[in-house]
């Protein structure tokens, strides 16, 4: 697999680090969620650094299964990416981490525990063997000082050497984290994956509760029942403080027009809220409650030192330098046996790999593509209820040459500040549109209208400007 283009520790000062001691061989299983990275980071930063370092700097205390030498070699051959002094470790180069979330049912494994057999429903297991319910590729880049998070829909169509055409979520069942990492790397322009984290859905509830819950705005009523899993989702629209079980309901709901894309948008919303609300001094007092949960429900080939370096970097990164994307593609499907796939767009993936993962052509040139206003699809999502203000914005954009402007679904969450969202990851296009508007903020995330290149979520500041 290709080496990192930015693998240049000397740029951080000091000597080039020596290769890390080879990890004991370990094997596969599965786990669930971006929450694992965010919450794990919160759990181990700062005051606990000394205690954790005392446990071990070179072992992998979170590793639940052995990786063969061939499987371990998939993850950058164990190349070091963190410092090793007695202070809180720091990243010395960009690092890519694959995060998988596992929702494993008793029906998914051959031999479920005796106490979870014959219950009359499919019980959740604290297991890592099964389909990946959620998949994220996260890049932490201390050189560009940003974090890029790429959500990969679980229905993404891939072709596996021994299994033919499949959905990417099955790779964990076929070959554990190593096969999943290999498949993701090939999908995203050969990006090298350094480590993996698998988080079981059973632990998410406990993690959120240990943090004291999270406050989010639920965009609409969500109600769904699946007796076969004892899954009961019943959440009301509006701003609410959710406990762990309610967060799981929000994250698992996918029975709406957008299907898995809507679920990914809700995951990104919860992720943003957790980051903003959890990185506070008050969180440190909850560390004793969080650590045991991490140990029980997480499988990872990160060492303690590496985990501390990742967590420390996450805490120090400004929120506006965290960029959240969805793997470009569409849900056309191929009609084979009635199976619907997320069909990845190679052209758009190449652009995202170059811009956000420093991979492929154009990543070193620094050249910016010319933005053609007439070709941009710009969606307007109004949160103000002021139709005159919306029409005023449409006219302003059309006068500036933006011919692809359309009014999309309304936002139920009232916004004070207008957001211009780079829905497809084109930050320069979003900045150009935001400059034309003359107010608000730019976000690189996928929380807007899925059919747009740029989504404008209109806030009260635009209404005030019209007066």
Foldseek 3Di string as FASTA:
>chain_A
DDDAPFQDLCVVPDDDDDFADQAAFWFFFFAADPVLLVLLLLQCEDPNLQVQVVVDQRYALQADGGHDQVLLVLQVSRGDQWDDDNDQIAGSFKAKEKEFHDFDWPVFDDDDPPVQPPPQATETDLIRAGFGCWIWIWIQGPVVQFIEIETEHQQAWDQDPVPGIGGLRCQCNVGGPSSSQVRVCVLQQNFRHNKYKHFYLVLQLQSCVLLVFWKAFAQAWAFDADPRHRDTATDGGGIDGDHSNNLSSLLPDQPDPVGRLNSVLSSVRRSLRCLVPRLDPVNNVSSVSNVVSSSRGMHMRDRSSRSSNSSVSSSPRDSQRYAAAYQDFDFPADCVVPDTGGYGDSVLSQVCCLPPVVHDPPNPPPDDDDDQLCPFAEEEAEQPPDVVLVVVLVVLSVVVPNNNYDYDYHGPDADAFKEKEQQSQRQVVSVVSCVSLPGGYYGRHNNADNVGRIYIYDHPVSVVVVD
